[in-house]
Amino acid sequence: MPPPAAADVEAGAPQAKPRKERDPFFDNAKFLAILLVVVGHSLANLLNVPLAKGLYIFIYMFHMPLFIVITGYFSRNWTFAGGKARKLITNVGVPYVVFEFAYSIYDWLAGRNELEISLLNPYYLTWFLCALFLWRLSTPVWQQIRWPLAVAVLFSLLSYMSDLGGTFDIHRVIGLLPFYVLGLTLRPEHFELLKRPAARIAGFAVLAGGLGVAYLAMNRMTRSWIYWKNTHEQLGVDNLTGSAMRLGMFACAIVLVAAFLSVVPRKRHWFSKLGATTLYAYLLHGFVTRLLNFTGWWGADWMHTTPGVLAVMAGAVVVGTFLCSKPVVRCMSWALEPKLRWVFTPLRRPNTGR
């Protein structure tokens, strides 16, 4: 942050507060989480291999809830004041529009028969931006409710009892809402509990147990459950069974999120700074995975083996890391963090009148 002007100092004008240093714990968590996302999307094309299928189920049980909880935690002070609404537009709304067009055109150029672009029906990875935009807008409401998490869970369960259509991928928006609201309700002391040595030991044990359960369940459950987008009727269960299953998935996801956070490194490492740019990896890695799909690479026999799965996972880690790097950020910041000051009027306060 540049120093204040000399005239301001001499006049006794208040100096701007220095920017608060980023907590490496959360940056480390976000970086490791985005690697799970990239790896998970890579494994999606290799599910005929037991190793890939088990890992895929395990990762999908908690990787997006993890991101959403952290997002909710850092949205605790979100309001419509101080230009935050403008940042929501430029850093979430604009990237949603850009990548909705980009992925649709990309698929069309790769051989799809029709060019389909609909901002009301999120395509591929863009659903998260749409959901984040709506969650952020609802933040002041949840901050006023006495039992926000219970209300969010109730809305989530009700949303799967009827078909709400595909607009804004609404089943995911409402279905995953409790994780965002959970993040809103968390405080720094809650994360301090996860940083204790005993919590780390328990975290490794829970993650190992969760992976084992995923392998036991991978051929005994409908995989559609982990996508959070299908109604109970579409999944072939009644509302009571479906609601019980959803509550179980909420509990499992929260336990796995806590376990994952308990094993995240606390100190600053070479990859910590990459945690600030995970949205780049999230939105850009889809072009790589789709390219491999369009070119038929996922059909290569060597990939559908245990060594092949391990090689694909290693490649996904490299790609995810690279997409968080400075060169990529410099090249793509126009799309993910655009400077659109010319679009907005000067900040205005409400006219109270007399």
Protein backbone atom coordinates (compact mmCIF):
# COMPACT_ATOMS: atom_id res chain seq x y z
CA MET A 1 0.00 0.00 0.00
CA PRO A 2 1.55 3.36 -0.99
CA PRO A 3 2.35 5.84 1.81
CA PRO A 4 -0.09 8.73 2.38
CA ALA A 5 0.65 12.04 0.72
CA ALA A 6 2.95 14.36 2.68
CA ALA A 7 0.29 17.06 2.76
CA ASP A 8 -2.14 14.69 4.43
CA VAL A 9 0.40 13.73 7.06
CA GLU A 10 1.22 17.33 7.84
CA ALA A 11 -2.46 18.18 8.06
CA GLY A 12 -2.99 15.38 10.53
CA ALA A 13 -5.26 13.42 8.23
CA PRO A 14 -5.87 9.85 9.41
CA GLN A 15 -3.62 7.37 7.69
CA ALA A 16 -5.03 4.29 6.00
CA LYS A 17 -4.73 1.13 8.03
CA PRO A 18 -2.22 -1.37 6.67
CA ARG A 19 -3.80 -4.31 4.90
CA LYS A 20 -4.24 -7.29 7.19
CA GLU A 21 -1.81 -10.09 6.39
CA ARG A 22 -3.41 -13.18 4.87
CA ASP A 23 -3.65 -16.25 7.07
CA PRO A 24 -1.57 -18.97 5.36
CA PHE A 25 -3.80 -21.65 6.91
CA PHE A 26 -6.77 -20.67 4.75
CA ASP A 27 -4.64 -20.12 1.66
CA ASN A 28 -3.12 -23.57 2.13
CA ALA A 29 -6.60 -25.05 2.57
CA LYS A 30 -7.93 -23.42 -0.59
CA PHE A 31 -4.94 -24.48 -2.65
CA LEU A 32 -5.14 -28.10 -1.53
CA ALA A 33 -8.90 -28.04 -2.04
CA ILE A 34 -8.63 -26.82 -5.63
CA LEU A 35 -6.22 -29.67 -6.34
CA LEU A 36 -8.93 -32.04 -5.11
CA VAL A 37 -11.37 -30.41 -7.54
CA VAL A 38 -9.03 -30.77 -10.51
CA VAL A 39 -8.13 -34.34 -9.59
CA GLY A 40 -11.79 -35.21 -9.10
CA HIS A 41 -12.79 -33.93 -12.52
CA SER A 42 -9.92 -35.89 -14.07
CA LEU A 43 -10.99 -39.12 -12.38
CA ALA A 44 -14.54 -38.70 -13.72
CA ASN A 45 -13.44 -40.20 -17.04
CA LEU A 46 -11.74 -43.25 -15.52
CA LEU A 47 -14.45 -44.66 -13.27
CA ASN A 48 -14.12 -48.17 -14.69
CA VAL A 49 -10.93 -48.42 -12.61
CA PRO A 50 -11.72 -49.22 -8.94
CA LEU A 51 -8.97 -46.90 -7.66
CA ALA A 52 -10.40 -43.98 -9.61
CA LYS A 53 -14.00 -44.73 -8.65
CA GLY A 54 -13.31 -44.96 -4.93
CA LEU A 55 -11.23 -41.79 -4.89
CA TYR A 56 -13.84 -40.00 -6.98
CA ILE A 57 -16.65 -40.80 -4.52
CA PHE A 58 -14.45 -39.82 -1.58
CA ILE A 59 -13.40 -36.47 -3.09
CA TYR A 60 -16.91 -35.55 -4.20
CA MET A 61 -18.30 -36.17 -0.74
CA PHE A 62 -16.61 -33.06 0.62
CA HIS A 63 -14.53 -31.06 -1.88
CA MET A 64 -17.23 -28.51 -2.82
CA PRO A 65 -18.66 -28.33 0.74
CA LEU A 66 -15.12 -27.48 1.83
CA PHE A 67 -14.88 -24.59 -0.60
CA ILE A 68 -18.36 -23.39 0.29
CA VAL A 69 -17.75 -23.44 4.05
CA ILE A 70 -14.56 -21.38 3.63
CA THR A 71 -16.37 -19.01 1.27
CA GLY A 72 -19.15 -18.54 3.81
CA TYR A 73 -16.63 -17.90 6.57
CA PHE A 74 -15.02 -15.08 4.60
CA SER A 75 -18.44 -13.68 3.72
CA ARG A 76 -19.40 -13.00 7.34
CA ASN A 77 -18.95 -9.25 6.97
CA TRP A 78 -20.45 -8.98 3.51
CA THR A 79 -22.92 -6.13 3.05
CA PHE A 80 -24.17 -3.98 0.21
CA ALA A 81 -22.12 -1.05 1.50
CA GLY A 82 -18.59 0.13 0.80
CA GLY A 83 -18.44 -1.03 -2.79
CA LYS A 84 -18.69 -4.73 -1.87
CA ALA A 85 -21.70 -5.13 -4.12
CA ARG A 86 -19.60 -3.80 -6.99
CA LYS A 87 -16.87 -6.32 -6.23
CA LEU A 88 -19.50 -9.04 -6.27
CA ILE A 89 -20.48 -7.94 -9.77
CA THR A 90 -16.93 -7.68 -11.13
CA ASN A 91 -15.39 -10.73 -9.41
CA VAL A 92 -18.35 -13.11 -9.56
CA GLY A 93 -21.03 -11.81 -11.91
CA VAL A 94 -18.77 -10.83 -14.81
CA PRO A 95 -16.67 -14.05 -14.71
CA TYR A 96 -19.94 -16.01 -14.72
CA VAL A 97 -21.04 -14.30 -17.92
CA VAL A 98 -17.60 -14.56 -19.54
CA PHE A 99 -17.13 -18.26 -18.83
CA GLU A 100 -20.73 -19.16 -19.57
CA PHE A 101 -20.09 -17.83 -23.08
CA ALA A 102 -16.56 -19.24 -23.24
CA TYR A 103 -17.46 -22.83 -22.35
CA SER A 104 -20.51 -22.85 -24.60
CA ILE A 105 -18.53 -21.55 -27.58
CA TYR A 106 -15.65 -23.90 -26.77
CA ASP A 107 -17.95 -26.92 -26.87
CA TRP A 108 -19.57 -25.71 -30.08
CA LEU A 109 -16.22 -25.26 -31.81
CA ALA A 110 -15.21 -28.73 -30.64
CA GLY A 111 -18.07 -30.33 -32.50
CA ARG A 112 -21.35 -29.84 -30.69
CA ASN A 113 -24.23 -29.54 -33.14
CA GLU A 114 -25.76 -26.41 -31.64
CA LEU A 115 -24.44 -23.25 -30.05
CA GLU A 116 -26.35 -23.02 -26.77
CA ILE A 117 -25.79 -20.03 -24.50
CA SER A 118 -28.12 -19.42 -21.58
CA LEU A 119 -27.19 -17.29 -18.60
CA LEU A 120 -30.18 -18.77 -16.77
CA ASN A 121 -28.89 -22.32 -17.08
CA PRO A 122 -25.29 -22.53 -15.78
CA TYR A 123 -23.06 -24.64 -17.96
CA TYR A 124 -20.48 -27.04 -16.54
CA LEU A 125 -18.32 -25.36 -13.87
CA THR A 126 -20.11 -22.02 -13.92
CA TRP A 127 -22.84 -23.22 -11.56
CA PHE A 128 -20.62 -22.36 -8.59
CA LEU A 129 -20.32 -18.70 -9.63
CA CYS A 130 -24.08 -18.49 -10.05
CA ALA A 131 -24.61 -20.06 -6.63
CA LEU A 132 -21.99 -17.84 -4.99
CA PHE A 133 -23.64 -14.72 -6.43
CA LEU A 134 -27.01 -15.70 -4.97
CA TRP A 135 -25.56 -16.84 -1.64
CA ARG A 136 -23.71 -13.57 -1.19
CA LEU A 137 -26.86 -11.59 -1.93
CA SER A 138 -28.68 -13.56 0.78
CA THR A 139 -25.96 -13.05 3.42
CA PRO A 140 -27.61 -10.12 5.26
CA VAL A 141 -30.76 -12.21 5.64
CA TRP A 142 -28.98 -15.14 7.29
CA GLN A 143 -27.21 -12.75 9.65
CA GLN A 144 -30.60 -11.66 11.04
CA ILE A 145 -32.12 -15.10 11.62
CA ARG A 146 -31.89 -16.67 15.09
CA TRP A 147 -31.29 -20.23 13.80
CA PRO A 148 -29.84 -19.69 10.31
CA LEU A 149 -28.30 -23.14 9.89
CA ALA A 150 -31.49 -24.98 10.86
CA VAL A 151 -33.53 -22.85 8.45
CA ALA A 152 -31.00 -23.41 5.65
CA VAL A 153 -31.07 -27.17 6.19
CA LEU A 154 -34.87 -27.14 6.11
CA PHE A 155 -34.89 -25.22 2.82
CA SER A 156 -32.31 -27.62 1.41
CA LEU A 157 -34.33 -30.72 2.29
CA LEU A 158 -37.54 -29.21 0.93
CA SER A 159 -35.85 -28.27 -2.35
CA TYR A 160 -35.30 -31.93 -3.23
CA MET A 161 -38.94 -32.89 -2.68
CA SER A 162 -40.12 -31.34 -5.94
CA ASP A 163 -38.66 -30.46 -9.32
CA LEU A 164 -37.66 -26.79 -9.29
CA GLY A 165 -36.36 -26.83 -12.84
CA GLY A 166 -32.87 -26.11 -14.11
CA THR A 167 -32.88 -22.31 -13.88
CA PHE A 168 -29.72 -21.13 -12.09
CA ASP A 169 -29.07 -24.80 -11.21
CA ILE A 170 -31.41 -24.04 -8.34
CA HIS A 171 -31.26 -27.47 -6.69
CA ARG A 172 -27.55 -27.05 -6.09
CA VAL A 173 -27.96 -23.43 -5.02
CA ILE A 174 -30.49 -24.32 -2.32
CA GLY A 175 -29.22 -27.83 -1.64
CA LEU A 176 -25.68 -26.74 -0.80
CA LEU A 177 -26.80 -23.55 0.96
CA PRO A 178 -26.35 -25.03 4.48
CA PHE A 179 -22.59 -25.28 3.96
CA TYR A 180 -22.43 -21.57 3.09
CA VAL A 181 -24.57 -20.66 6.11
CA LEU A 182 -22.40 -22.90 8.30
CA GLY A 183 -19.38 -20.88 7.18
CA LEU A 184 -21.21 -17.67 8.09
CA THR A 185 -21.76 -18.95 11.64
CA LEU A 186 -18.18 -20.08 12.26
CA ARG A 187 -15.70 -18.01 14.26
CA PRO A 188 -11.87 -18.01 14.41
CA GLU A 189 -11.93 -20.01 17.64
CA HIS A 190 -13.65 -22.88 15.85
CA PHE A 191 -10.73 -23.21 13.47
CA GLU A 192 -8.29 -22.97 16.36
CA LEU A 193 -9.77 -26.21 17.69
CA LEU A 194 -8.84 -27.90 14.42
CA LYS A 195 -5.25 -26.73 14.71
CA ARG A 196 -4.55 -28.75 17.85
CA PRO A 197 -2.15 -31.73 17.53
CA ALA A 198 -4.83 -34.17 18.69
CA ALA A 199 -7.19 -32.88 16.02
CA ARG A 200 -4.59 -33.54 13.33
CA ILE A 201 -4.19 -37.17 14.41
CA ALA A 202 -7.96 -37.62 14.46
CA GLY A 203 -8.21 -35.88 11.09
CA PHE A 204 -5.88 -38.34 9.38
CA ALA A 205 -7.82 -41.24 10.91
CA VAL A 206 -11.17 -39.82 9.77
CA LEU A 207 -9.94 -39.20 6.22
CA ALA A 208 -8.54 -42.72 6.02
CA GLY A 209 -11.83 -44.11 7.32
CA GLY A 210 -13.81 -41.97 4.88
CA LEU A 211 -11.76 -43.26 1.98
CA GLY A 212 -12.39 -46.83 3.11
CA VAL A 213 -16.13 -46.21 3.38
CA ALA A 214 -16.12 -44.67 -0.12
CA TYR A 215 -14.63 -47.88 -1.51
CA LEU A 216 -17.22 -49.98 0.29
CA ALA A 217 -20.09 -47.78 -0.92
CA MET A 218 -18.97 -47.04 -4.48
CA ASN A 219 -20.86 -50.00 -5.97
CA ARG A 220 -23.77 -49.82 -3.55
CA MET A 221 -25.03 -46.26 -4.02
CA THR A 222 -26.25 -44.17 -6.92
CA ARG A 223 -23.47 -41.79 -7.83
CA SER A 224 -25.97 -39.00 -8.57
CA TRP A 225 -26.32 -38.35 -4.82
CA ILE A 226 -22.91 -36.70 -4.66
CA TYR A 227 -23.78 -34.08 -7.28
CA TRP A 228 -26.50 -32.46 -5.14
CA LYS A 229 -28.66 -31.70 -8.19
CA ASN A 230 -31.32 -34.43 -8.44
CA THR A 231 -34.70 -34.61 -6.72
CA HIS A 232 -35.75 -37.57 -4.61
CA GLU A 233 -38.06 -38.73 -7.37
CA GLN A 234 -35.23 -38.66 -9.90
CA LEU A 235 -33.13 -40.71 -7.51
CA GLY A 236 -35.92 -43.25 -7.08
CA VAL A 237 -36.58 -42.75 -3.37
CA ASP A 238 -39.41 -41.29 -1.30
CA ASN A 239 -39.06 -37.97 0.49
CA LEU A 240 -38.48 -39.54 3.92
CA THR A 241 -35.67 -41.78 2.65
CA GLY A 242 -34.21 -39.00 0.55
CA SER A 243 -34.23 -36.52 3.42
CA ALA A 244 -32.54 -39.04 5.71
CA MET A 245 -29.90 -39.65 3.05
CA ARG A 246 -29.31 -35.92 2.62
CA LEU A 247 -28.94 -35.42 6.36
CA GLY A 248 -26.42 -38.27 6.41
CA MET A 249 -24.50 -36.68 3.57
CA PHE A 250 -24.49 -33.32 5.36
CA ALA A 251 -23.05 -34.98 8.46
CA CYS A 252 -20.42 -36.92 6.49
CA ALA A 253 -19.39 -33.85 4.52
CA ILE A 254 -19.02 -31.70 7.63
CA VAL A 255 -16.94 -34.37 9.39
CA LEU A 256 -14.70 -34.78 6.33
CA VAL A 257 -14.34 -31.00 5.92
CA ALA A 258 -13.28 -30.69 9.57
CA ALA A 259 -10.87 -33.62 9.18
CA PHE A 260 -9.35 -32.11 6.05
CA LEU A 261 -8.88 -28.71 7.69
CA SER A 262 -7.26 -30.35 10.71
CA VAL A 263 -4.44 -31.75 8.53
CA VAL A 264 -3.88 -28.58 6.48
CA PRO A 265 -0.43 -27.04 7.12
CA ARG A 266 -0.57 -24.00 9.40
CA LYS A 267 2.62 -22.24 8.28
CA ARG A 268 3.45 -20.42 5.09
CA HIS A 269 4.82 -22.60 2.28
CA TRP A 270 5.78 -22.08 -1.34
CA PHE A 271 2.22 -22.86 -2.42
CA SER A 272 0.47 -20.64 0.15
CA LYS A 273 0.31 -17.63 -2.16
CA LEU A 274 -1.41 -19.78 -4.78
CA GLY A 275 -4.39 -20.13 -2.44
CA ALA A 276 -5.40 -16.56 -3.31
CA THR A 277 -5.96 -17.44 -6.97
CA THR A 278 -7.79 -20.76 -6.82
CA LEU A 279 -10.73 -19.40 -8.82
CA TYR A 280 -8.40 -19.25 -11.83
CA ALA A 281 -7.67 -22.95 -11.56
CA TYR A 282 -11.33 -23.76 -10.97
CA LEU A 283 -12.62 -21.96 -14.06
CA LEU A 284 -9.73 -22.72 -16.41
CA HIS A 285 -8.99 -26.39 -15.75
CA GLY A 286 -12.28 -27.36 -17.40
CA PHE A 287 -10.86 -26.35 -20.77
CA VAL A 288 -8.09 -28.91 -20.30
CA THR A 289 -10.33 -31.76 -19.19
CA ARG A 290 -12.83 -31.01 -21.96
CA LEU A 291 -10.04 -30.87 -24.53
CA LEU A 292 -8.90 -34.35 -23.55
CA ASN A 293 -12.50 -35.48 -23.90
CA PHE A 294 -12.97 -33.88 -27.33
CA THR A 295 -9.72 -35.34 -28.64
CA GLY A 296 -10.48 -38.83 -27.34
CA TRP A 297 -7.51 -38.97 -24.97
CA TRP A 298 -9.60 -40.26 -22.11
CA GLY A 299 -10.17 -43.40 -24.15
CA ALA A 300 -6.49 -44.33 -24.15
CA ASP A 301 -6.09 -47.83 -22.74
CA TRP A 302 -3.09 -46.97 -20.60
CA MET A 303 -5.14 -44.43 -18.64
CA HIS A 304 -7.64 -47.09 -17.58
CA THR A 305 -5.15 -48.88 -15.38
CA THR A 306 -3.98 -48.25 -11.83
CA PRO A 307 -0.64 -46.72 -12.99
CA GLY A 308 -2.59 -44.68 -15.55
CA VAL A 309 -4.90 -43.31 -12.87
CA LEU A 310 -1.92 -42.34 -10.72
CA ALA A 311 -0.30 -40.61 -13.73
CA VAL A 312 -3.51 -38.70 -14.49
CA MET A 313 -3.75 -37.58 -10.86
CA ALA A 314 -0.15 -36.36 -10.93
CA GLY A 315 -0.85 -34.47 -14.14
CA ALA A 316 -3.97 -32.91 -12.62
CA VAL A 317 -1.94 -31.65 -9.65
CA VAL A 318 0.58 -30.05 -12.00
CA VAL A 319 -2.15 -28.44 -14.11
CA GLY A 320 -4.01 -27.15 -11.04
CA THR A 321 -0.83 -25.68 -9.59
CA PHE A 322 0.11 -24.00 -12.88
CA LEU A 323 -3.34 -22.45 -13.30
CA CYS A 324 -2.94 -20.69 -9.95
CA SER A 325 0.44 -19.23 -10.93
CA LYS A 326 1.33 -15.60 -11.66
CA PRO A 327 1.70 -15.97 -15.45
CA VAL A 328 -1.84 -17.34 -15.72
CA VAL A 329 -3.22 -14.67 -13.39
CA ARG A 330 -1.57 -11.92 -15.41
CA CYS A 331 -2.98 -13.33 -18.65
CA MET A 332 -6.51 -13.99 -17.39
CA SER A 333 -7.17 -11.29 -14.78
CA TRP A 334 -9.16 -9.34 -17.38
CA ALA A 335 -11.79 -12.09 -17.23
CA LEU A 336 -11.70 -13.09 -13.56
CA GLU A 337 -10.85 -9.78 -11.86
CA PRO A 338 -11.84 -7.11 -14.41
CA LYS A 339 -11.44 -3.43 -13.65
CA LEU A 340 -14.79 -1.96 -14.61
CA ARG A 341 -14.78 1.37 -12.83
CA TRP A 342 -16.18 3.01 -15.95
CA VAL A 343 -19.35 0.95 -15.62
CA PHE A 344 -20.28 2.29 -12.19
CA THR A 345 -21.45 5.65 -10.97
CA PRO A 346 -19.78 7.24 -7.90
CA LEU A 347 -20.85 5.55 -4.68
CA ARG A 348 -24.14 7.00 -3.56
CA ARG A 349 -25.71 7.01 -0.13
CA PRO A 350 -29.46 6.57 0.28
CA ASN A 351 -31.36 9.84 0.18
CA THR A 352 -33.07 9.97 3.57
CA GLY A 353 -34.85 13.25 2.87
CA ARG A 354 -36.84 15.19 5.44
